[in-house]
PDB file of all heavy atoms in Angstrom:
ATOM      1  N   ARG A   1     181.966  45.081  69.681  1.00  0.00           N
ATOM      2  CA  ARG A   1     183.113  45.924  69.327  1.00  0.00           C
ATOM      3  C   ARG A   1     184.256  45.109  68.711  1.00  0.00           C
ATOM      4  O   ARG A   1     185.245  45.676  68.246  1.00  0.00           O
ATOM      5  CB  ARG A   1     183.629  46.667  70.569  1.00  0.00           C
ATOM      6  CG  ARG A   1     182.652  47.652  71.187  1.00  0.00           C
ATOM      7  CD  ARG A   1     182.539  48.921  70.382  1.00  0.00           C
ATOM      8  NE  ARG A   1     183.785  49.658  70.332  1.00  0.00           N
ATOM      9  CZ  ARG A   1     184.196  50.515  71.272  1.00  0.00           C
ATOM     10  NH1 ARG A   1     183.437  50.727  72.348  1.00  0.00           N
ATOM     11  NH2 ARG A   1     185.335  51.162  71.136  1.00  0.00           N
ATOM     12  N   TYR A   2     184.104  43.782  68.700  1.00  0.00           N
ATOM     13  CA  TYR A   2     185.196  42.918  68.252  1.00  0.00           C
ATOM     14  C   TYR A   2     184.864  42.144  66.980  1.00  0.00           C
ATOM     15  O   TYR A   2     185.580  41.213  66.618  1.00  0.00           O
ATOM     16  CB  TYR A   2     185.597  41.966  69.388  1.00  0.00           C
ATOM     17  CG  TYR A   2     186.110  42.715  70.599  1.00  0.00           C
ATOM     18  CD1 TYR A   2     185.245  43.044  71.644  1.00  0.00           C
ATOM     19  CD2 TYR A   2     187.422  43.143  70.676  1.00  0.00           C
ATOM     20  CE1 TYR A   2     185.696  43.768  72.753  1.00  0.00           C
ATOM     21  CE2 TYR A   2     187.887  43.860  71.772  1.00  0.00           C
ATOM     22  CZ  TYR A   2     187.016  44.174  72.803  1.00  0.00           C
ATOM     23  OH  TYR A   2     187.460  44.895  73.886  1.00  0.00           O
ATOM     24  N   SER A   3     183.808  42.532  66.291  1.00  0.00           N
ATOM     25  CA  SER A   3     183.519  41.926  65.002  1.00  0.00           C
ATOM     26  C   SER A   3     184.560  42.389  63.987  1.00  0.00           C
ATOM     27  O   SER A   3     185.286  43.369  64.213  1.00  0.00           O
ATOM     28  CB  SER A   3     182.121  42.310  64.532  1.00  0.00           C
ATOM     29  OG  SER A   3     182.079  43.687  64.189  1.00  0.00           O
ATOM     30  N   THR A   4     184.627  41.710  62.863  1.00  0.00           N
ATOM     31  CA  THR A   4     185.591  42.092  61.826  1.00  0.00           C
ATOM     32  C   THR A   4     185.363  43.525  61.363  1.00  0.00           C
ATOM     33  O   THR A   4     186.303  44.319  61.255  1.00  0.00           O
ATOM     34  CB  THR A   4     185.491  41.129  60.633  1.00  0.00           C
ATOM     35  OG1 THR A   4     185.751  39.788  61.084  1.00  0.00           O
ATOM     36  CG2 THR A   4     186.500  41.497  59.551  1.00  0.00           C
ATOM     37  N   ALA A   5     184.111  43.869  61.094  1.00  0.00           N
ATOM     38  CA  ALA A   5     183.804  45.224  60.632  1.00  0.00           C
ATOM     39  C   ALA A   5     184.134  46.258  61.694  1.00  0.00           C
ATOM     40  O   ALA A   5     184.662  47.339  61.385  1.00  0.00           O
ATOM     41  CB  ALA A   5     182.332  45.326  60.239  1.00  0.00           C
ATOM     42  N   SER A   6     183.853  45.949  62.961  1.00  0.00           N
ATOM     43  CA  SER A   6     184.145  46.894  64.040  1.00  0.00           C
ATOM     44  C   SER A   6     185.641  47.104  64.204  1.00  0.00           C
ATOM     45  O   SER A   6     186.102  48.238  64.408  1.00  0.00           O
ATOM     46  CB  SER A   6     183.535  46.404  65.355  1.00  0.00           C
ATOM     47  OG  SER A   6     182.124  46.446  65.309  1.00  0.00           O
ATOM     48  N   MET A   7     186.420  46.036  64.098  1.00  0.00           N
ATOM     49  CA  MET A   7     187.874  46.166  64.227  1.00  0.00           C
ATOM     50  C   MET A   7     188.452  46.932  63.036  1.00  0.00           C
ATOM     51  O   MET A   7     189.369  47.742  63.193  1.00  0.00           O
ATOM     52  CB  MET A   7     188.519  44.784  64.340  1.00  0.00           C
ATOM     53  CG  MET A   7     188.124  44.004  65.586  1.00  0.00           C
ATOM     54  SD  MET A   7     188.565  44.830  67.145  1.00  0.00           S
ATOM     55  CE  MET A   7     190.345  44.583  67.181  1.00  0.00           C
ATOM     56  N   ARG A   8     187.901  46.702  61.846  1.00  0.00           N
ATOM     57  CA  ARG A   8     188.327  47.470  60.666  1.00  0.00           C
ATOM     58  C   ARG A   8     188.042  48.954  60.857  1.00  0.00           C
ATOM     59  O   ARG A   8     188.919  49.815  60.617  1.00  0.00           O
ATOM     60  CB  ARG A   8     187.589  46.948  59.440  1.00  0.00           C
ATOM     61  CG  ARG A   8     187.834  47.729  58.147  1.00  0.00           C
ATOM     62  CD  ARG A   8     186.690  47.520  57.171  1.00  0.00           C
ATOM     63  NE  ARG A   8     185.436  48.062  57.695  1.00  0.00           N
ATOM     64  CZ  ARG A   8     184.236  47.697  57.258  1.00  0.00           C
ATOM     65  NH1 ARG A   8     184.104  46.787  56.307  1.00  0.00           N
ATOM     66  NH2 ARG A   8     183.142  48.252  57.773  1.00  0.00           N
ATOM     67  N   ASP A   9     186.840  49.277  61.296  1.00  0.00           N
ATOM     68  CA  ASP A   9     186.470  50.682  61.497  1.00  0.00           C
ATOM     69  C   ASP A   9     187.281  51.309  62.627  1.00  0.00           C
ATOM     70  O   ASP A   9     187.604  52.505  62.587  1.00  0.00           O
ATOM     71  CB  ASP A   9     184.977  50.790  61.800  1.00  0.00           C
ATOM     72  CG  ASP A   9     184.109  50.389  60.609  1.00  0.00           C
ATOM     73  OD1 ASP A   9     184.650  50.288  59.487  1.00  0.00           O
ATOM     74  OD2 ASP A   9     182.905  50.149  60.812  1.00  0.00           O
ATOM     75  N   HIS A  10     187.607  50.498  63.635  1.00  0.00           N
ATOM     76  CA  HIS A  10     188.438  50.967  64.749  1.00  0.00           C
ATOM     77  C   HIS A  10     189.829  51.362  64.249  1.00  0.00           C
ATOM     78  O   HIS A  10     190.373  52.415  64.618  1.00  0.00           O
ATOM     79  CB  HIS A  10     188.528  49.868  65.797  1.00  0.00           C
ATOM     80  CG  HIS A  10     189.528  50.111  66.881  1.00  0.00           C
ATOM     81  ND1 HIS A  10     189.517  51.235  67.677  1.00  0.00           N
ATOM     82  CD2 HIS A  10     190.595  49.374  67.297  1.00  0.00           C
ATOM     83  CE1 HIS A  10     190.521  51.171  68.554  1.00  0.00           C
ATOM     84  NE2 HIS A  10     191.191  50.066  68.332  1.00  0.00           N
ATOM     85  N   LEU A  11     190.418  50.537  63.375  1.00  0.00           N
ATOM     86  CA  LEU A  11     191.736  50.863  62.816  1.00  0.00           C
ATOM     87  C   LEU A  11     191.662  52.140  61.992  1.00  0.00           C
ATOM     88  O   LEU A  11     192.554  52.995  62.082  1.00  0.00           O
ATOM     89  CB  LEU A  11     192.252  49.707  61.965  1.00  0.00           C
ATOM     90  CG  LEU A  11     193.592  49.943  61.268  1.00  0.00           C
ATOM     91  CD1 LEU A  11     194.694  50.288  62.267  1.00  0.00           C
ATOM     92  CD2 LEU A  11     193.985  48.709  60.436  1.00  0.00           C
ATOM     93  N   LEU A  12     190.613  52.300  61.218  1.00  0.00           N
ATOM     94  CA  LEU A  12     190.457  53.515  60.425  1.00  0.00           C
ATOM     95  C   LEU A  12     190.315  54.736  61.337  1.00  0.00           C
ATOM     96  O   LEU A  12     190.848  55.820  61.033  1.00  0.00           O
ATOM     97  CB  LEU A  12     189.235  53.393  59.516  1.00  0.00           C
ATOM     98  CG  LEU A  12     189.030  54.501  58.472  1.00  0.00           C
ATOM     99  CD1 LEU A  12     190.259  54.637  57.584  1.00  0.00           C
ATOM    100  CD2 LEU A  12     187.795  54.218  57.635  1.00  0.00           C
ATOM    101  N   GLU A  13     189.649  54.568  62.478  1.00  0.00           N
ATOM    102  CA  GLU A  13     189.509  55.662  63.436  1.00  0.00           C
ATOM    103  C   GLU A  13     190.874  56.045  64.018  1.00  0.00           C
ATOM    104  O   GLU A  13     191.158  57.226  64.242  1.00  0.00           O
ATOM    105  CB  GLU A  13     188.547  55.247  64.557  1.00  0.00           C
ATOM    106  CG  GLU A  13     188.190  56.387  65.496  1.00  0.00           C
ATOM    107  CD  GLU A  13     187.270  55.951  66.632  1.00  0.00           C
ATOM    108  OE1 GLU A  13     187.188  54.737  66.926  1.00  0.00           O
ATOM    109  OE2 GLU A  13     186.647  56.840  67.242  1.00  0.00           O
ATOM    110  N   ILE A  14     191.735  55.059  64.233  1.00  0.00           N
ATOM    111  CA  ILE A  14     193.093  55.338  64.717  1.00  0.00           C
ATOM    112  C   ILE A  14     193.868  56.135  63.673  1.00  0.00           C
ATOM    113  O   ILE A  14     194.549  57.119  63.991  1.00  0.00           O
ATOM    114  CB  ILE A  14     193.827  54.020  65.050  1.00  0.00           C
ATOM    115  CG1 ILE A  14     193.168  53.305  66.222  1.00  0.00           C
ATOM    116  CG2 ILE A  14     195.306  54.299  65.356  1.00  0.00           C
ATOM    117  CD1 ILE A  14     193.735  51.923  66.502  1.00  0.00           C
ATOM    118  N   VAL A  15     193.767  55.718  62.418  1.00  0.00           N
ATOM    119  CA  VAL A  15     194.457  56.418  61.330  1.00  0.00           C
ATOM    120  C   VAL A  15     193.984  57.865  61.251  1.00  0.00           C
ATOM    121  O   VAL A  15     194.783  58.795  61.062  1.00  0.00           O
ATOM    122  CB  VAL A  15     194.222  55.674  60.002  1.00  0.00           C
ATOM    123  CG1 VAL A  15     194.781  56.474  58.830  1.00  0.00           C
ATOM    124  CG2 VAL A  15     194.848  54.286  60.053  1.00  0.00           C
ATOM    125  N   ASP A  16     192.682  58.066  61.417  1.00  0.00           N
ATOM    126  CA  ASP A  16     192.142  59.426  61.409  1.00  0.00           C
ATOM    127  C   ASP A  16     192.699  60.247  62.571  1.00  0.00           C
ATOM    128  O   ASP A  16     193.065  61.419  62.404  1.00  0.00           O
ATOM    129  CB  ASP A  16     190.619  59.393  61.492  1.00  0.00           C
ATOM    130  CG  ASP A  16     189.966  58.927  60.205  1.00  0.00           C
ATOM    131  OD1 ASP A  16     190.619  58.982  59.146  1.00  0.00           O
ATOM    132  OD2 ASP A  16     188.793  58.486  60.261  1.00  0.00           O
ATOM    133  N   ALA A  17     192.739  59.638  63.761  1.00  0.00           N
ATOM    134  CA  ALA A  17     193.222  60.353  64.946  1.00  0.00           C
ATOM    135  C   ALA A  17     194.686  60.745  64.803  1.00  0.00           C
ATOM    136  O   ALA A  17     195.119  61.769  65.353  1.00  0.00           O
ATOM    137  CB  ALA A  17     193.021  59.486  66.192  1.00  0.00           C
ATOM    138  N   LEU A  18     195.443  59.959  64.062  1.00  0.00           N
ATOM    139  CA  LEU A  18     196.854  60.251  63.838  1.00  0.00           C
ATOM    140  C   LEU A  18     197.065  61.264  62.709  1.00  0.00           C
ATOM    141  O   LEU A  18     198.187  61.695  62.465  1.00  0.00           O
ATOM    142  CB  LEU A  18     197.610  58.963  63.513  1.00  0.00           C
ATOM    143  CG  LEU A  18     197.760  57.972  64.668  1.00  0.00           C
ATOM    144  CD1 LEU A  18     198.218  56.607  64.140  1.00  0.00           C
ATOM    145  CD2 LEU A  18     198.754  58.494  65.699  1.00  0.00           C
ATOM    146  N   GLY A  19     195.982  61.612  62.034  1.00  0.00           N
ATOM    147  CA  GLY A  19     196.076  62.580  60.944  1.00  0.00           C
ATOM    148  C   GLY A  19     196.738  62.034  59.701  1.00  0.00           C
ATOM    149  O   GLY A  19     197.329  62.790  58.917  1.00  0.00           O
ATOM    150  N   LEU A  20     196.606  60.727  59.468  1.00  0.00           N
ATOM    151  CA  LEU A  20     197.236  60.105  58.309  1.00  0.00           C
ATOM    152  C   LEU A  20     196.231  60.022  57.165  1.00  0.00           C
ATOM    153  O   LEU A  20     195.285  59.236  57.208  1.00  0.00           O
ATOM    154  CB  LEU A  20     197.732  58.696  58.667  1.00  0.00           C
ATOM    155  CG  LEU A  20     198.668  58.601  59.875  1.00  0.00           C
ATOM    156  CD1 LEU A  20     199.080  57.159  60.104  1.00  0.00           C
ATOM    157  CD2 LEU A  20     199.888  59.489  59.694  1.00  0.00           C
ATOM    158  N   GLU A  21     196.425  60.827  56.156  1.00  0.00           N
ATOM    159  CA  GLU A  21     195.514  60.809  55.011  1.00  0.00           C
ATOM    160  C   GLU A  21     195.703  59.546  54.181  1.00  0.00           C
ATOM    161  O   GLU A  21     194.743  59.005  53.625  1.00  0.00           O
ATOM    162  CB  GLU A  21     195.738  62.043  54.140  1.00  0.00           C
ATOM    163  CG  GLU A  21     195.361  63.351  54.827  1.00  0.00           C
ATOM    164  CD  GLU A  21     195.489  64.536  53.896  1.00  0.00           C
ATOM    165  OE1 GLU A  21     195.770  64.318  52.684  1.00  0.00           O
ATOM    166  OE2 GLU A  21     195.312  65.669  54.360  1.00  0.00           O
ATOM    167  N   ARG A  22     196.941  59.070  54.109  1.00  0.00           N
ATOM    168  CA  ARG A  22     197.255  57.888  53.306  1.00  0.00           C
ATOM    169  C   ARG A  22     198.481  57.228  53.912  1.00  0.00           C
ATOM    170  O   ARG A  22     199.430  57.906  54.304  1.00  0.00           O
ATOM    171  CB  ARG A  22     197.515  58.297  51.855  1.00  0.00           C
ATOM    172  CG  ARG A  22     197.381  57.184  50.841  1.00  0.00           C
ATOM    173  CD  ARG A  22     197.203  57.762  49.443  1.00  0.00           C
ATOM    174  NE  ARG A  22     197.120  56.703  48.441  1.00  0.00           N
ATOM    175  CZ  ARG A  22     198.047  56.480  47.512  1.00  0.00           C
ATOM    176  NH1 ARG A  22     199.124  57.258  47.446  1.00  0.00           N
ATOM    177  NH2 ARG A  22     197.913  55.506  46.636  1.00  0.00           N
ATOM    178  N   ALA A  23     198.465  55.904  54.025  1.00  0.00           N
ATOM    179  CA  ALA A  23     199.566  55.212  54.680  1.00  0.00           C
ATOM    180  C   ALA A  23     199.722  53.811  54.116  1.00  0.00           C
ATOM    181  O   ALA A  23     198.809  53.251  53.505  1.00  0.00           O
ATOM    182  CB  ALA A  23     199.322  55.132  56.195  1.00  0.00           C
ATOM    183  N   GLY A  24     200.905  53.238  54.332  1.00  0.00           N
ATOM    184  CA  GLY A  24     201.113  51.828  54.063  1.00  0.00           C
ATOM    185  C   GLY A  24     200.732  51.041  55.302  1.00  0.00           C
ATOM    186  O   GLY A  24     200.807  51.563  56.419  1.00  0.00           O
ATOM    187  N   PHE A  25     200.335  49.793  55.121  1.00  0.00           N
ATOM    188  CA  PHE A  25     199.891  48.978  56.249  1.00  0.00           C
ATOM    189  C   PHE A  25     200.574  47.615  56.218  1.00  0.00           C
ATOM    190  O   PHE A  25     200.693  46.989  55.162  1.00  0.00           O
ATOM    191  CB  PHE A  25     198.377  48.778  56.212  1.00  0.00           C
ATOM    192  CG  PHE A  25     197.594  50.023  56.526  1.00  0.00           C
ATOM    193  CD1 PHE A  25     197.324  50.955  55.530  1.00  0.00           C
ATOM    194  CD2 PHE A  25     197.139  50.274  57.814  1.00  0.00           C
ATOM    195  CE1 PHE A  25     196.606  52.109  55.810  1.00  0.00           C
ATOM    196  CE2 PHE A  25     196.423  51.423  58.102  1.00  0.00           C
ATOM    197  CZ  PHE A  25     196.154  52.342  57.100  1.00  0.00           C
ATOM    198  N   VAL A  26     201.000  47.191  57.403  1.00  0.00           N
ATOM    199  CA  VAL A  26     201.552  45.851  57.584  1.00  0.00           C
ATOM    200  C   VAL A  26     200.727  45.182  58.674  1.00  0.00           C
ATOM    201  O   VAL A  26     200.679  45.654  59.807  1.00  0.00           O
ATOM    202  CB  VAL A  26     203.041  45.897  58.005  1.00  0.00           C
ATOM    203  CG1 VAL A  26     203.572  44.484  58.226  1.00  0.00           C
ATOM    204  CG2 VAL A  26     203.871  46.627  56.953  1.00  0.00           C
ATOM    205  N   GLY A  27     200.048  44.097  58.325  1.00  0.00           N
ATOM    206  CA  GLY A  27     199.208  43.403  59.293  1.00  0.00           C
ATOM    207  C   GLY A  27     199.733  42.020  59.575  1.00  0.00           C
ATOM    208  O   GLY A  27     200.130  41.287  58.660  1.00  0.00           O
ATOM    209  N   HIS A  28     199.739  41.650  60.850  1.00  0.00           N
ATOM    210  CA  HIS A  28     200.199  40.326  61.261  1.00  0.00           C
ATOM    211  C   HIS A  28     199.026  39.493  61.754  1.00  0.00           C
ATOM    212  O   HIS A  28     198.220  39.959  62.567  1.00  0.00           O
ATOM    213  CB  HIS A  28     201.247  40.453  62.381  1.00  0.00           C
ATOM    214  CG  HIS A  28     201.554  39.153  63.064  1.00  0.00           C
ATOM    215  ND1 HIS A  28     201.084  38.848  64.318  1.00  0.00           N
ATOM    216  CD2 HIS A  28     202.274  38.084  62.648  1.00  0.00           C
ATOM    217  CE1 HIS A  28     201.505  37.637  64.659  1.00  0.00           C
ATOM    218  NE2 HIS A  28     202.228  37.156  63.666  1.00  0.00           N
ATOM    219  N   SER A  29     198.893  38.267  61.271  1.00  0.00           N
ATOM    220  CA  SER A  29     197.890  37.324  61.768  1.00  0.00           C
ATOM    221  C   SER A  29     196.479  37.913  61.635  1.00  0.00           C
ATOM    222  O   SER A  29     196.061  38.281  60.537  1.00  0.00           O
ATOM    223  CB  SER A  29     198.225  36.951  63.217  1.00  0.00           C
ATOM    224  OG  SER A  29     197.438  35.868  63.665  1.00  0.00           O
ATOM    225  N   MET A  30     195.734  38.052  62.723  1.00  0.00           N
ATOM    226  CA  MET A  30     194.424  38.686  62.674  1.00  0.00           C
ATOM    227  C   MET A  30     194.538  40.116  62.161  1.00  0.00           C
ATOM    228  O   MET A  30     193.648  40.617  61.463  1.00  0.00           O
ATOM    229  CB  MET A  30     193.779  38.682  64.059  1.00  0.00           C
ATOM    230  CG  MET A  30     192.404  39.336  64.132  1.00  0.00           C
ATOM    231  SD  MET A  30     191.830  39.566  65.835  1.00  0.00           S
ATOM    232  CE  MET A  30     192.865  40.980  66.331  1.00  0.00           C
ATOM    233  N   GLY A  31     195.635  40.785  62.495  1.00  0.00           N
ATOM    234  CA  GLY A  31     195.856  42.144  62.015  1.00  0.00           C
ATOM    235  C   GLY A  31     195.922  42.208  60.500  1.00  0.00           C
ATOM    236  O   GLY A  31     195.553  43.215  59.890  1.00  0.00           O
ATOM    237  N   ALA A  32     196.371  41.122  59.853  1.00  0.00           N
ATOM    238  CA  ALA A  32     196.416  41.081  58.393  1.00  0.00           C
ATOM    239  C   ALA A  32     195.008  41.111  57.811  1.00  0.00           C
ATOM    240  O   ALA A  32     194.749  41.787  56.814  1.00  0.00           O
ATOM    241  CB  ALA A  32     197.157  39.830  57.927  1.00  0.00           C
ATOM    242  N   ALA A  33     194.100  40.372  58.446  1.00  0.00           N
ATOM    243  CA  ALA A  33     192.715  40.370  57.972  1.00  0.00           C
ATOM    244  C   ALA A  33     192.090  41.753  58.131  1.00  0.00           C
ATOM    245  O   ALA A  33     191.370  42.231  57.249  1.00  0.00           O
ATOM    246  CB  ALA A  33     191.901  39.334  58.741  1.00  0.00           C
ATOM    247  N   ILE A  34     192.376  42.415  59.247  1.00  0.00           N
ATOM    248  CA  ILE A  34     191.825  43.750  59.493  1.00  0.00           C
ATOM    249  C   ILE A  34     192.369  44.748  58.473  1.00  0.00           C
ATOM    250  O   ILE A  34     191.628  45.565  57.912  1.00  0.00           O
ATOM    251  CB  ILE A  34     192.144  44.197  60.931  1.00  0.00           C
ATOM    252  CG1 ILE A  34     191.453  43.271  61.938  1.00  0.00           C
ATOM    253  CG2 ILE A  34     191.724  45.641  61.160  1.00  0.00           C
ATOM    254  CD1 ILE A  34     191.882  43.494  63.384  1.00  0.00           C
TER     255      ILE A  34
END
């Protein structure tokens, strides 16, 4: 669940749950890679 692809898909799942069709993103450190 902690691979790069899994963390990327996890973030996209959060965006979906929040109902955000399109958003800006600010990532810090590992969050920047995701």
